[in-house]
Amino acid sequence: MYDTDKRKLLSVLSHGAIFLSTTLVSVGIPIAILFVSDDPVVKENAKESINFHFNVWLYGGILGALFFLFGWLVLPLLLLGPLAGLGYLLHWGLTIWALIKVFGNPDIPFRYPYIFRVF
């Protein structure tokens, strides 16, 4: 049997790493937890967190490229600005939702909806 408090702490740390930094730290912490932990639920939460952060980086890069390519036009900026704001709110909202779910039931791995999973 696995320790519930340890499971909860490592799962929350995996999902909440984005609050520490949006750079490599947000993925580095879940990767380290993935290799250190032997708990299957913690490993699933770490994988899901890594996949989510890769998706955030991918969508952020796409929006950044669109801003760069079409930044001289006013209409795309009017459309892309609210889209970027919505993405920002969605990113933080899904992260907070994951933390609440993991605190509520640490025995079930959290799955983010509508993301591409690398592994």
PDB file of N, CA and C in Angstrom:
ATOM      1  N   MET A   1       0.849  -1.174   0.000  1.00  0.00           N
ATOM      2  CA  MET A   1       0.000   0.000   0.000  1.00  0.00           C
ATOM      3  C   MET A   1       0.896   1.239   0.000  1.00  0.00           C
ATOM      4  N   TYR A   2       0.482   2.222  -0.757  1.00  0.00           N
ATOM      5  CA  TYR A   2       1.257   3.458  -0.876  1.00  0.00           C
ATOM      6  C   TYR A   2       0.749   4.503   0.114  1.00  0.00           C
ATOM      7  N   ASP A   3       1.662   5.360   0.553  1.00  0.00           N
ATOM      8  CA  ASP A   3       1.338   6.414   1.503  1.00  0.00           C
ATOM      9  C   ASP A   3       0.495   7.487   0.805  1.00  0.00           C
ATOM     10  N   THR A   4      -0.705   7.738   1.317  1.00  0.00           N
ATOM     11  CA  THR A   4      -1.627   8.689   0.697  1.00  0.00           C
ATOM     12  C   THR A   4      -1.099  10.119   0.764  1.00  0.00           C
ATOM     13  N   ASP A   5      -0.490  10.488   1.865  1.00  0.00           N
ATOM     14  CA  ASP A   5       0.039  11.852   1.989  1.00  0.00           C
ATOM     15  C   ASP A   5       1.195  12.095   1.023  1.00  0.00           C
ATOM     16  N   LYS A   6       2.071  11.105   0.891  1.00  0.00           N
ATOM     17  CA  LYS A   6       3.187  11.224  -0.055  1.00  0.00           C
ATOM     18  C   LYS A   6       2.659  11.279  -1.487  1.00  0.00           C
ATOM     19  N   ARG A   7       1.658  10.458  -1.769  1.00  0.00           N
ATOM     20  CA  ARG A   7       1.052  10.436  -3.103  1.00  0.00           C
ATOM     21  C   ARG A   7       0.437  11.795  -3.431  1.00  0.00           C
ATOM     22  N   LYS A   8      -0.276  12.350  -2.456  1.00  0.00           N
ATOM     23  CA  LYS A   8      -0.922  13.643  -2.655  1.00  0.00           C
ATOM     24  C   LYS A   8       0.120  14.742  -2.866  1.00  0.00           C
ATOM     25  N   LEU A   9       1.165  14.739  -2.036  1.00  0.00           N
ATOM     26  CA  LEU A   9       2.207  15.762  -2.143  1.00  0.00           C
ATOM     27  C   LEU A   9       2.925  15.717  -3.483  1.00  0.00           C
ATOM     28  N   LEU A  10       3.336  14.533  -3.926  1.00  0.00           N
ATOM     29  CA  LEU A  10       4.069  14.424  -5.187  1.00  0.00           C
ATOM     30  C   LEU A  10       3.173  14.712  -6.392  1.00  0.00           C
ATOM     31  N   SER A  11       1.917  14.316  -6.322  1.00  0.00           N
ATOM     32  CA  SER A  11       0.985  14.602  -7.420  1.00  0.00           C
ATOM     33  C   SER A  11       0.701  16.096  -7.518  1.00  0.00           C
ATOM     34  N   VAL A  12       0.492  16.740  -6.378  1.00  0.00           N
ATOM     35  CA  VAL A  12       0.251  18.187  -6.366  1.00  0.00           C
ATOM     36  C   VAL A  12       1.493  18.928  -6.844  1.00  0.00           C
ATOM     37  N   LEU A  13       2.657  18.467  -6.430  1.00  0.00           N
ATOM     38  CA  LEU A  13       3.902  19.097  -6.880  1.00  0.00           C
ATOM     39  C   LEU A  13       4.080  18.956  -8.387  1.00  0.00           C
ATOM     40  N   SER A  14       3.690  17.824  -8.933  1.00  0.00           N
ATOM     41  CA  SER A  14       3.777  17.633 -10.392  1.00  0.00           C
ATOM     42  C   SER A  14       2.894  18.623 -11.139  1.00  0.00           C
ATOM     43  N   HIS A  15       1.638  18.710 -10.733  1.00  0.00           N
ATOM     44  CA  HIS A  15       0.707  19.602 -11.426  1.00  0.00           C
ATOM     45  C   HIS A  15       0.970  21.068 -11.095  1.00  0.00           C
ATOM     46  N   GLY A  16       1.383  21.339  -9.877  1.00  0.00           N
ATOM     47  CA  GLY A  16       1.579  22.717  -9.444  1.00  0.00           C
ATOM     48  C   GLY A  16       2.940  23.297  -9.768  1.00  0.00           C
ATOM     49  N   ALA A  17       3.802  22.545 -10.442  1.00  0.00           N
ATOM     50  CA  ALA A  17       5.144  23.039 -10.779  1.00  0.00           C
ATOM     51  C   ALA A  17       5.087  24.282 -11.659  1.00  0.00           C
ATOM     52  N   ILE A  18       4.008  24.465 -12.386  1.00  0.00           N
ATOM     53  CA  ILE A  18       3.864  25.628 -13.254  1.00  0.00           C
ATOM     54  C   ILE A  18       3.792  26.907 -12.433  1.00  0.00           C
ATOM     55  N   PHE A  19       3.376  26.822 -11.183  1.00  0.00           N
ATOM     56  CA  PHE A  19       3.317  28.008 -10.332  1.00  0.00           C
ATOM     57  C   PHE A  19       4.704  28.454  -9.883  1.00  0.00           C
ATOM     58  N   LEU A  20       5.676  27.555  -9.945  1.00  0.00           N
ATOM     59  CA  LEU A  20       7.045  27.905  -9.578  1.00  0.00           C
ATOM     60  C   LEU A  20       7.770  28.603 -10.720  1.00  0.00           C
ATOM     61  N   SER A  21       7.528  28.143 -11.937  1.00  0.00           N
ATOM     62  CA  SER A  21       8.189  28.717 -13.106  1.00  0.00           C
ATOM     63  C   SER A  21       7.500  28.179 -14.349  1.00  0.00           C
ATOM     64  N   THR A  22       7.470  28.990 -15.409  1.00  0.00           N
ATOM     65  CA  THR A  22       6.880  28.509 -16.665  1.00  0.00           C
ATOM     66  C   THR A  22       7.954  28.019 -17.628  1.00  0.00           C
ATOM     67  N   THR A  23       9.194  28.011 -17.191  1.00  0.00           N
ATOM     68  CA  THR A  23      10.277  27.546 -18.051  1.00  0.00           C
ATOM     69  C   THR A  23      10.477  26.043 -17.852  1.00  0.00           C
ATOM     70  N   LEU A  24      11.683  25.593 -17.948  1.00  0.00           N
ATOM     71  CA  LEU A  24      11.976  24.168 -17.848  1.00  0.00           C
ATOM     72  C   LEU A  24      11.674  23.584 -16.475  1.00  0.00           C
ATOM     73  N   VAL A  25      11.581  24.417 -15.462  1.00  0.00           N
ATOM     74  CA  VAL A  25      11.270  23.929 -14.118  1.00  0.00           C
ATOM     75  C   VAL A  25       9.881  23.284 -14.094  1.00  0.00           C
ATOM     76  N   SER A  26       8.952  23.848 -14.848  1.00  0.00           N
ATOM     77  CA  SER A  26       7.585  23.315 -14.840  1.00  0.00           C
ATOM     78  C   SER A  26       7.518  21.894 -15.396  1.00  0.00           C
ATOM     79  N   VAL A  27       8.480  21.514 -16.211  1.00  0.00           N
ATOM     80  CA  VAL A  27       8.542  20.152 -16.731  1.00  0.00           C
ATOM     81  C   VAL A  27       9.611  19.348 -16.003  1.00  0.00           C
ATOM     82  N   GLY A  28      10.644  20.022 -15.527  1.00  0.00           N
ATOM     83  CA  GLY A  28      11.731  19.331 -14.850  1.00  0.00           C
ATOM     84  C   GLY A  28      11.301  18.663 -13.554  1.00  0.00           C
ATOM     85  N   ILE A  29      10.457  19.327 -12.800  1.00  0.00           N
ATOM     86  CA  ILE A  29       9.988  18.747 -11.533  1.00  0.00           C
ATOM     87  C   ILE A  29       9.167  17.478 -11.776  1.00  0.00           C
ATOM     88  N   PRO A  30       8.177  17.489 -12.694  1.00  0.00           N
ATOM     89  CA  PRO A  30       7.448  16.240 -12.943  1.00  0.00           C
ATOM     90  C   PRO A  30       8.329  15.132 -13.533  1.00  0.00           C
ATOM     91  N   ILE A  31       9.330  15.501 -14.332  1.00  0.00           N
ATOM     92  CA  ILE A  31      10.239  14.479 -14.866  1.00  0.00           C
ATOM     93  C   ILE A  31      11.026  13.841 -13.724  1.00  0.00           C
ATOM     94  N   ALA A  32      11.528  14.670 -12.808  1.00  0.00           N
ATOM     95  CA  ALA A  32      12.263  14.134 -11.661  1.00  0.00           C
ATOM     96  C   ALA A  32      11.361  13.235 -10.816  1.00  0.00           C
ATOM     97  N   ILE A  33      10.122  13.658 -10.600  1.00  0.00           N
ATOM     98  CA  ILE A  33       9.183  12.847  -9.818  1.00  0.00           C
ATOM     99  C   ILE A  33       8.882  11.538 -10.545  1.00  0.00           C
ATOM    100  N   LEU A  34       8.783  11.596 -11.851  1.00  0.00           N
ATOM    101  CA  LEU A  34       8.520  10.393 -12.647  1.00  0.00           C
ATOM    102  C   LEU A  34       9.618   9.353 -12.452  1.00  0.00           C
ATOM    103  N   PHE A  35      10.866   9.794 -12.392  1.00  0.00           N
ATOM    104  CA  PHE A  35      11.976   8.857 -12.242  1.00  0.00           C
ATOM    105  C   PHE A  35      12.208   8.425 -10.796  1.00  0.00           C
ATOM    106  N   VAL A  36      11.837   9.244  -9.830  1.00  0.00           N
ATOM    107  CA  VAL A  36      12.119   8.950  -8.426  1.00  0.00           C
ATOM    108  C   VAL A  36      11.025   8.102  -7.785  1.00  0.00           C
ATOM    109  N   SER A  37       9.781   8.362  -8.130  1.00  0.00           N
ATOM    110  CA  SER A  37       8.664   7.693  -7.460  1.00  0.00           C
ATOM    111  C   SER A  37       8.424   6.298  -8.035  1.00  0.00           C
ATOM    112  N   ASP A  38       7.974   5.409  -7.168  1.00  0.00           N
ATOM    113  CA  ASP A  38       7.571   4.078  -7.622  1.00  0.00           C
ATOM    114  C   ASP A  38       6.058   3.892  -7.538  1.00  0.00           C
ATOM    115  N   ASP A  39       5.345   4.926  -7.144  1.00  0.00           N
ATOM    116  CA  ASP A  39       3.890   4.905  -7.027  1.00  0.00           C
ATOM    117  C   ASP A  39       3.265   5.078  -8.414  1.00  0.00           C
ATOM    118  N   PRO A  40       2.424   4.144  -8.860  1.00  0.00           N
ATOM    119  CA  PRO A  40       1.851   4.250 -10.207  1.00  0.00           C
ATOM    120  C   PRO A  40       0.940   5.469 -10.398  1.00  0.00           C
ATOM    121  N   VAL A  41       0.220   5.884  -9.372  1.00  0.00           N
ATOM    122  CA  VAL A  41      -0.656   7.053  -9.497  1.00  0.00           C
ATOM    123  C   VAL A  41       0.179   8.323  -9.626  1.00  0.00           C
ATOM    124  N   VAL A  42       1.241   8.419  -8.852  1.00  0.00           N
ATOM    125  CA  VAL A  42       2.134   9.579  -8.937  1.00  0.00           C
ATOM    126  C   VAL A  42       2.790   9.627 -10.313  1.00  0.00           C
ATOM    127  N   LYS A  43       3.200   8.487 -10.831  1.00  0.00           N
ATOM    128  CA  LYS A  43       3.808   8.442 -12.170  1.00  0.00           C
ATOM    129  C   LYS A  43       2.822   8.909 -13.237  1.00  0.00           C
ATOM    130  N   GLU A  44       1.565   8.477 -13.135  1.00  0.00           N
ATOM    131  CA  GLU A  44       0.551   8.911 -14.099  1.00  0.00           C
ATOM    132  C   GLU A  44       0.297  10.414 -14.005  1.00  0.00           C
ATOM    133  N   ASN A  45       0.249  10.940 -12.799  1.00  0.00           N
ATOM    134  CA  ASN A  45       0.061  12.382 -12.630  1.00  0.00           C
ATOM    135  C   ASN A  45       1.255  13.153 -13.174  1.00  0.00           C
ATOM    136  N   ALA A  46       2.460  12.643 -12.974  1.00  0.00           N
ATOM    137  CA  ALA A  46       3.651  13.310 -13.502  1.00  0.00           C
ATOM    138  C   ALA A  46       3.636  13.304 -15.029  1.00  0.00           C
ATOM    139  N   LYS A  47       3.292  12.178 -15.639  1.00  0.00           N
ATOM    140  CA  LYS A  47       3.205  12.101 -17.107  1.00  0.00           C
ATOM    141  C   LYS A  47       2.155  13.068 -17.646  1.00  0.00           C
ATOM    142  N   GLU A  48       1.018  13.099 -16.989  1.00  0.00           N
ATOM    143  CA  GLU A  48      -0.061  13.985 -17.440  1.00  0.00           C
ATOM    144  C   GLU A  48       0.348  15.447 -17.318  1.00  0.00           C
ATOM    145  N   SER A  49       1.047  15.789 -16.261  1.00  0.00           N
ATOM    146  CA  SER A  49       1.532  17.153 -16.074  1.00  0.00           C
ATOM    147  C   SER A  49       2.533  17.529 -17.164  1.00  0.00           C
ATOM    148  N   ILE A  50       3.440  16.624 -17.480  1.00  0.00           N
ATOM    149  CA  ILE A  50       4.420  16.876 -18.552  1.00  0.00           C
ATOM    150  C   ILE A  50       3.703  17.093 -19.872  1.00  0.00           C
ATOM    151  N   ASN A  51       2.766  16.218 -20.186  1.00  0.00           N
ATOM    152  CA  ASN A  51       2.008  16.364 -21.433  1.00  0.00           C
ATOM    153  C   ASN A  51       1.251  17.690 -21.483  1.00  0.00           C
ATOM    154  N   PHE A  52       0.653  18.092 -20.374  1.00  0.00           N
ATOM    155  CA  PHE A  52      -0.092  19.344 -20.338  1.00  0.00           C
ATOM    156  C   PHE A  52       0.829  20.539 -20.570  1.00  0.00           C
ATOM    157  N   HIS A  53       1.982  20.535 -19.927  1.00  0.00           N
ATOM    158  CA  HIS A  53       2.901  21.659 -20.098  1.00  0.00           C
ATOM    159  C   HIS A  53       3.473  21.719 -21.512  1.00  0.00           C
ATOM    160  N   PHE A  54       3.715  20.569 -22.119  1.00  0.00           N
ATOM    161  CA  PHE A  54       4.142  20.571 -23.521  1.00  0.00           C
ATOM    162  C   PHE A  54       3.052  21.158 -24.412  1.00  0.00           C
ATOM    163  N   ASN A  55       1.795  20.833 -24.126  1.00  0.00           N
ATOM    164  CA  ASN A  55       0.686  21.401 -24.892  1.00  0.00           C
ATOM    165  C   ASN A  55       0.608  22.907 -24.718  1.00  0.00           C
ATOM    166  N   VAL A  56       0.794  23.384 -23.496  1.00  0.00           N
ATOM    167  CA  VAL A  56       0.770  24.824 -23.239  1.00  0.00           C
ATOM    168  C   VAL A  56       1.883  25.509 -24.023  1.00  0.00           C
ATOM    169  N   TRP A  57       3.065  24.918 -24.015  1.00  0.00           N
ATOM    170  CA  TRP A  57       4.185  25.497 -24.774  1.00  0.00           C
ATOM    171  C   TRP A  57       3.886  25.484 -26.270  1.00  0.00           C
ATOM    172  N   LEU A  58       3.297  24.398 -26.768  1.00  0.00           N
ATOM    173  CA  LEU A  58       2.972  24.298 -28.191  1.00  0.00           C
ATOM    174  C   LEU A  58       1.970  25.372 -28.596  1.00  0.00           C
ATOM    175  N   TYR A  59       0.884  25.490 -27.852  1.00  0.00           N
ATOM    176  CA  TYR A  59      -0.132  26.488 -28.192  1.00  0.00           C
ATOM    177  C   TYR A  59       0.397  27.906 -28.022  1.00  0.00           C
ATOM    178  N   GLY A  60       1.219  28.120 -27.012  1.00  0.00           N
ATOM    179  CA  GLY A  60       1.845  29.432 -26.838  1.00  0.00           C
ATOM    180  C   GLY A  60       2.777  29.770 -27.988  1.00  0.00           C
ATOM    181  N   GLY A  61       3.516  28.787 -28.474  1.00  0.00           N
ATOM    182  CA  GLY A  61       4.393  29.002 -29.626  1.00  0.00           C
ATOM    183  C   GLY A  61       3.613  29.302 -30.893  1.00  0.00           C
ATOM    184  N   ILE A  62       2.504  28.618 -31.082  1.00  0.00           N
ATOM    185  CA  ILE A  62       1.663  28.876 -32.257  1.00  0.00           C
ATOM    186  C   ILE A  62       1.108  30.295 -32.195  1.00  0.00           C
ATOM    187  N   LEU A  63       0.586  30.690 -31.032  1.00  0.00           N
ATOM    188  CA  LEU A  63       0.067  32.052 -30.900  1.00  0.00           C
ATOM    189  C   LEU A  63       1.174  33.087 -31.070  1.00  0.00           C
ATOM    190  N   GLY A  64       2.346  32.803 -30.524  1.00  0.00           N
ATOM    191  CA  GLY A  64       3.478  33.715 -30.691  1.00  0.00           C
ATOM    192  C   GLY A  64       3.875  33.862 -32.150  1.00  0.00           C
ATOM    193  N   ALA A  65       3.890  32.753 -32.890  1.00  0.00           N
ATOM    194  CA  ALA A  65       4.217  32.805 -34.308  1.00  0.00           C
ATOM    195  C   ALA A  65       3.163  33.586 -35.091  1.00  0.00           C
ATOM    196  N   LEU A  66       1.896  33.408 -34.735  1.00  0.00           N
ATOM    197  CA  LEU A  66       0.833  34.160 -35.408  1.00  0.00           C
ATOM    198  C   LEU A  66       0.951  35.647 -35.115  1.00  0.00           C
ATOM    199  N   PHE A  67       1.280  35.995 -33.871  1.00  0.00           N
ATOM    200  CA  PHE A  67       1.510  37.407 -33.546  1.00  0.00           C
ATOM    201  C   PHE A  67       2.675  37.962 -34.357  1.00  0.00           C
ATOM    202  N   PHE A  68       3.737  37.169 -34.477  1.00  0.00           N
ATOM    203  CA  PHE A  68       4.910  37.620 -35.220  1.00  0.00           C
ATOM    204  C   PHE A  68       4.608  37.782 -36.702  1.00  0.00           C
ATOM    205  N   LEU A  69       3.906  36.812 -37.284  1.00  0.00           N
ATOM    206  CA  LEU A  69       3.621  36.845 -38.720  1.00  0.00           C
ATOM    207  C   LEU A  69       2.588  37.905 -39.086  1.00  0.00           C
ATOM    208  N   PHE A  70       1.580  38.067 -38.249  1.00  0.00           N
ATOM    209  CA  PHE A  70       0.486  38.968 -38.581  1.00  0.00           C
ATOM    210  C   PHE A  70       0.411  40.189 -37.662  1.00  0.00           C
ATOM    211  N   GLY A  71       1.492  40.489 -36.993  1.00  0.00           N
ATOM    212  CA  GLY A  71       1.494  41.593 -36.046  1.00  0.00           C
ATOM    213  C   GLY A  71       1.273  42.946 -36.692  1.00  0.00           C
ATOM    214  N   TRP A  72       1.537  43.080 -37.964  1.00  0.00           N
ATOM    215  CA  TRP A  72       1.369  44.356 -38.650  1.00  0.00           C
ATOM    216  C   TRP A  72      -0.079  44.611 -39.025  1.00  0.00           C
ATOM    217  N   LEU A  73      -0.927  43.618 -38.900  1.00  0.00           N
ATOM    218  CA  LEU A  73      -2.353  43.781 -39.194  1.00  0.00           C
ATOM    219  C   LEU A  73      -3.125  44.009 -37.895  1.00  0.00           C
ATOM    220  N   VAL A  74      -4.062  44.900 -37.914  1.00  0.00           N
ATOM    221  CA  VAL A  74      -4.841  45.203 -36.716  1.00  0.00           C
ATOM    222  C   VAL A  74      -5.889  44.127 -36.460  1.00  0.00           C
ATOM    223  N   LEU A  75      -6.544  43.626 -37.484  1.00  0.00           N
ATOM    224  CA  LEU A  75      -7.615  42.652 -37.299  1.00  0.00           C
ATOM    225  C   LEU A  75      -7.138  41.370 -36.626  1.00  0.00           C
ATOM    226  N   PRO A  76      -6.021  40.764 -37.075  1.00  0.00           N
ATOM    227  CA  PRO A  76      -5.578  39.558 -36.359  1.00  0.00           C
ATOM    228  C   PRO A  76      -5.225  39.836 -34.899  1.00  0.00           C
ATOM    229  N   LEU A  77      -4.702  41.015 -34.620  1.00  0.00           N
ATOM    230  CA  LEU A  77      -4.394  41.327 -33.225  1.00  0.00           C
ATOM    231  C   LEU A  77      -5.662  41.411 -32.388  1.00  0.00           C
ATOM    232  N   LEU A  78      -6.723  41.925 -32.996  1.00  0.00           N
ATOM    233  CA  LEU A  78      -7.994  41.992 -32.279  1.00  0.00           C
ATOM    234  C   LEU A  78      -8.554  40.594 -32.004  1.00  0.00           C
ATOM    235  N   LEU A  79      -8.235  39.646 -32.894  1.00  0.00           N
ATOM    236  CA  LEU A  79      -8.711  38.282 -32.715  1.00  0.00           C
ATOM    237  C   LEU A  79      -7.763  37.461 -31.846  1.00  0.00           C
ATOM    238  N   LEU A  80      -6.458  37.642 -32.033  1.00  0.00           N
ATOM    239  CA  LEU A  80      -5.481  36.835 -31.321  1.00  0.00           C
ATOM    240  C   LEU A  80      -5.310  37.265 -29.869  1.00  0.00           C
ATOM    241  N   GLY A  81      -5.498  38.537 -29.578  1.00  0.00           N
ATOM    242  CA  GLY A  81      -5.365  39.015 -28.202  1.00  0.00           C
ATOM    243  C   GLY A  81      -6.336  38.339 -27.252  1.00  0.00           C
ATOM    244  N   PRO A  82      -7.639  38.367 -27.562  1.00  0.00           N
ATOM    245  CA  PRO A  82      -8.587  37.661 -26.689  1.00  0.00           C
ATOM    246  C   PRO A  82      -8.349  36.149 -26.662  1.00  0.00           C
ATOM    247  N   LEU A  83      -7.886  35.581 -27.778  1.00  0.00           N
ATOM    248  CA  LEU A  83      -7.590  34.152 -27.812  1.00  0.00           C
ATOM    249  C   LEU A  83      -6.426  33.824 -26.876  1.00  0.00           C
ATOM    250  N   ALA A  84      -5.412  34.671 -26.872  1.00  0.00           N
ATOM    251  CA  ALA A  84      -4.281  34.467 -25.961  1.00  0.00           C
ATOM    252  C   ALA A  84      -4.732  34.611 -24.515  1.00  0.00           C
ATOM    253  N   GLY A  85      -5.588  35.601 -24.229  1.00  0.00           N
ATOM    254  CA  GLY A  85      -6.106  35.766 -22.877  1.00  0.00           C
ATOM    255  C   GLY A  85      -6.940  34.578 -22.432  1.00  0.00           C
ATOM    256  N   LEU A  86      -7.746  34.045 -23.340  1.00  0.00           N
ATOM    257  CA  LEU A  86      -8.552  32.867 -23.034  1.00  0.00           C
ATOM    258  C   LEU A  86      -7.651  31.667 -22.767  1.00  0.00           C
ATOM    259  N   GLY A  87      -6.612  31.521 -23.563  1.00  0.00           N
ATOM    260  CA  GLY A  87      -5.656  30.431 -23.350  1.00  0.00           C
ATOM    261  C   GLY A  87      -4.955  30.538 -22.010  1.00  0.00           C
ATOM    262  N   TYR A  88      -4.617  31.771 -21.636  1.00  0.00           N
ATOM    263  CA  TYR A  88      -3.969  32.008 -20.342  1.00  0.00           C
ATOM    264  C   TYR A  88      -4.897  31.606 -19.202  1.00  0.00           C
ATOM    265  N   LEU A  89      -6.146  32.037 -19.260  1.00  0.00           N
ATOM    266  CA  LEU A  89      -7.119  31.682 -18.223  1.00  0.00           C
ATOM    267  C   LEU A  89      -7.389  30.180 -18.193  1.00  0.00           C
ATOM    268  N   LEU A  90      -7.467  29.565 -19.369  1.00  0.00           N
ATOM    269  CA  LEU A  90      -7.707  28.130 -19.457  1.00  0.00           C
ATOM    270  C   LEU A  90      -6.541  27.353 -18.858  1.00  0.00           C
ATOM    271  N   HIS A  91      -5.342  27.801 -19.142  1.00  0.00           N
ATOM    272  CA  HIS A  91      -4.149  27.147 -18.618  1.00  0.00           C
ATOM    273  C   HIS A  91      -4.134  27.158 -17.095  1.00  0.00           C
ATOM    274  N   TRP A  92      -4.330  28.323 -16.502  1.00  0.00           N
ATOM    275  CA  TRP A  92      -4.320  28.414 -15.041  1.00  0.00           C
ATOM    276  C   TRP A  92      -5.543  27.720 -14.444  1.00  0.00           C
ATOM    277  N   GLY A  93      -6.675  27.839 -15.092  1.00  0.00           N
ATOM    278  CA  GLY A  93      -7.883  27.193 -14.587  1.00  0.00           C
ATOM    279  C   GLY A  93      -7.771  25.677 -14.565  1.00  0.00           C
ATOM    280  N   LEU A  94      -7.228  25.109 -15.630  1.00  0.00           N
ATOM    281  CA  LEU A  94      -7.058  23.653 -15.665  1.00  0.00           C
ATOM    282  C   LEU A  94      -6.041  23.180 -14.631  1.00  0.00           C
ATOM    283  N   THR A  95      -5.003  23.986 -14.412  1.00  0.00           N
ATOM    284  CA  THR A  95      -4.012  23.623 -13.398  1.00  0.00           C
ATOM    285  C   THR A  95      -4.636  23.638 -12.007  1.00  0.00           C
ATOM    286  N   ILE A  96      -5.419  24.650 -11.714  1.00  0.00           N
ATOM    287  CA  ILE A  96      -6.087  24.729 -10.404  1.00  0.00           C
ATOM    288  C   ILE A  96      -7.093  23.594 -10.259  1.00  0.00           C
ATOM    289  N   TRP A  97      -7.791  23.272 -11.341  1.00  0.00           N
ATOM    290  CA  TRP A  97      -8.746  22.158 -11.319  1.00  0.00           C
ATOM    291  C   TRP A  97      -8.018  20.845 -11.012  1.00  0.00           C
ATOM    292  N   ALA A  98      -6.840  20.650 -11.615  1.00  0.00           N
ATOM    293  CA  ALA A  98      -6.056  19.442 -11.357  1.00  0.00           C
ATOM    294  C   ALA A  98      -5.650  19.368  -9.890  1.00  0.00           C
ATOM    295  N   LEU A  99      -5.231  20.497  -9.332  1.00  0.00           N
ATOM    296  CA  LEU A  99      -4.823  20.508  -7.926  1.00  0.00           C
ATOM    297  C   LEU A  99      -5.990  20.169  -7.011  1.00  0.00           C
ATOM    298  N   ILE A 100      -7.162  20.713  -7.296  1.00  0.00           N
ATOM    299  CA  ILE A 100      -8.347  20.430  -6.488  1.00  0.00           C
ATOM    300  C   ILE A 100      -8.722  18.951  -6.570  1.00  0.00           C
ATOM    301  N   LYS A 101      -8.667  18.397  -7.775  1.00  0.00           N
ATOM    302  CA  LYS A 101      -9.008  16.984  -7.961  1.00  0.00           C
ATOM    303  C   LYS A 101      -8.021  16.066  -7.238  1.00  0.00           C
ATOM    304  N   VAL A 102      -6.732  16.397  -7.313  1.00  0.00           N
ATOM    305  CA  VAL A 102      -5.723  15.572  -6.654  1.00  0.00           C
ATOM    306  C   VAL A 102      -5.852  15.660  -5.135  1.00  0.00           C
ATOM    307  N   PHE A 103      -6.139  16.859  -4.621  1.00  0.00           N
ATOM    308  CA  PHE A 103      -6.377  16.993  -3.177  1.00  0.00           C
ATOM    309  C   PHE A 103      -7.612  16.218  -2.763  1.00  0.00           C
ATOM    310  N   GLY A 104      -8.650  16.245  -3.581  1.00  0.00           N
ATOM    311  CA  GLY A 104      -9.910  15.589  -3.253  1.00  0.00           C
ATOM    312  C   GLY A 104      -9.834  14.078  -3.269  1.00  0.00           C
ATOM    313  N   ASN A 105      -9.168  13.523  -4.271  1.00  0.00           N
ATOM    314  CA  ASN A 105      -9.048  12.066  -4.379  1.00  0.00           C
ATOM    315  C   ASN A 105      -7.662  11.732  -4.925  1.00  0.00           C
ATOM    316  N   PRO A 106      -6.689  11.545  -4.033  1.00  0.00           N
ATOM    317  CA  PRO A 106      -5.326  11.290  -4.495  1.00  0.00           C
ATOM    318  C   PRO A 106      -5.109   9.893  -5.072  1.00  0.00           C
ATOM    319  N   ASP A 107      -6.101   9.022  -4.991  1.00  0.00           N
ATOM    320  CA  ASP A 107      -5.936   7.658  -5.489  1.00  0.00           C
ATOM    321  C   ASP A 107      -6.265   7.511  -6.972  1.00  0.00           C
ATOM    322  N   ILE A 108      -6.803   8.565  -7.582  1.00  0.00           N
ATOM    323  CA  ILE A 108      -7.148   8.526  -9.005  1.00  0.00           C
ATOM    324  C   ILE A 108      -6.295   9.552  -9.746  1.00  0.00           C
ATOM    325  N   PRO A 109      -5.551   9.130 -10.777  1.00  0.00           N
ATOM    326  CA  PRO A 109      -4.748  10.100 -11.532  1.00  0.00           C
ATOM    327  C   PRO A 109      -5.649  11.088 -12.279  1.00  0.00           C
ATOM    328  N   PHE A 110      -5.229  12.346 -12.319  1.00  0.00           N
ATOM    329  CA  PHE A 110      -6.001  13.369 -13.008  1.00  0.00           C
ATOM    330  C   PHE A 110      -5.663  13.354 -14.492  1.00  0.00           C
ATOM    331  N   ARG A 111      -6.666  13.509 -15.340  1.00  0.00           N
ATOM    332  CA  ARG A 111      -6.465  13.566 -16.793  1.00  0.00           C
ATOM    333  C   ARG A 111      -6.989  14.907 -17.303  1.00  0.00           C
ATOM    334  N   TYR A 112      -6.109  15.668 -17.972  1.00  0.00           N
ATOM    335  CA  TYR A 112      -6.525  16.933 -18.570  1.00  0.00           C
ATOM    336  C   TYR A 112      -7.346  16.632 -19.827  1.00  0.00           C
ATOM    337  N   PRO A 113      -8.430  17.361 -20.029  1.00  0.00           N
ATOM    338  CA  PRO A 113      -9.225  17.134 -21.239  1.00  0.00           C
ATOM    339  C   PRO A 113      -8.596  17.800 -22.458  1.00  0.00           C
ATOM    340  N   TYR A 114      -8.772  17.186 -23.604  1.00  0.00           N
ATOM    341  CA  TYR A 114      -8.443  17.758 -24.901  1.00  0.00           C
ATOM    342  C   TYR A 114      -6.978  18.158 -25.059  1.00  0.00           C
ATOM    343  N   ILE A 115      -6.061  17.313 -24.622  1.00  0.00           N
ATOM    344  CA  ILE A 115      -4.655  17.595 -24.864  1.00  0.00           C
ATOM    345  C   ILE A 115      -4.055  16.461 -25.681  1.00  0.00           C
ATOM    346  N   PHE A 116      -2.952  16.764 -26.354  1.00  0.00           N
ATOM    347  CA  PHE A 116      -2.189  15.735 -27.049  1.00  0.00           C
ATOM    348  C   PHE A 116      -1.239  15.111 -26.045  1.00  0.00           C
ATOM    349  N   ARG A 117      -1.210  13.812 -26.013  1.00  0.00           N
ATOM    350  CA  ARG A 117      -0.338  13.120 -25.082  1.00  0.00           C
ATOM    351  C   ARG A 117       0.859  12.546 -25.831  1.00  0.00           C
ATOM    352  N   VAL A 118       2.050  12.936 -25.375  1.00  0.00           N
ATOM    353  CA  VAL A 118       3.288  12.462 -25.991  1.00  0.00           C
ATOM    354  C   VAL A 118       3.593  11.060 -25.486  1.00  0.00           C
ATOM    355  N   PHE A 119       3.376  10.831 -24.190  1.00  0.00           N
ATOM    356  CA  PHE A 119       3.571   9.499 -23.615  1.00  0.00           C
ATOM    357  C   PHE A 119       2.632   9.299 -22.460  1.00  0.00           C
TER     358      PHE A 119
END
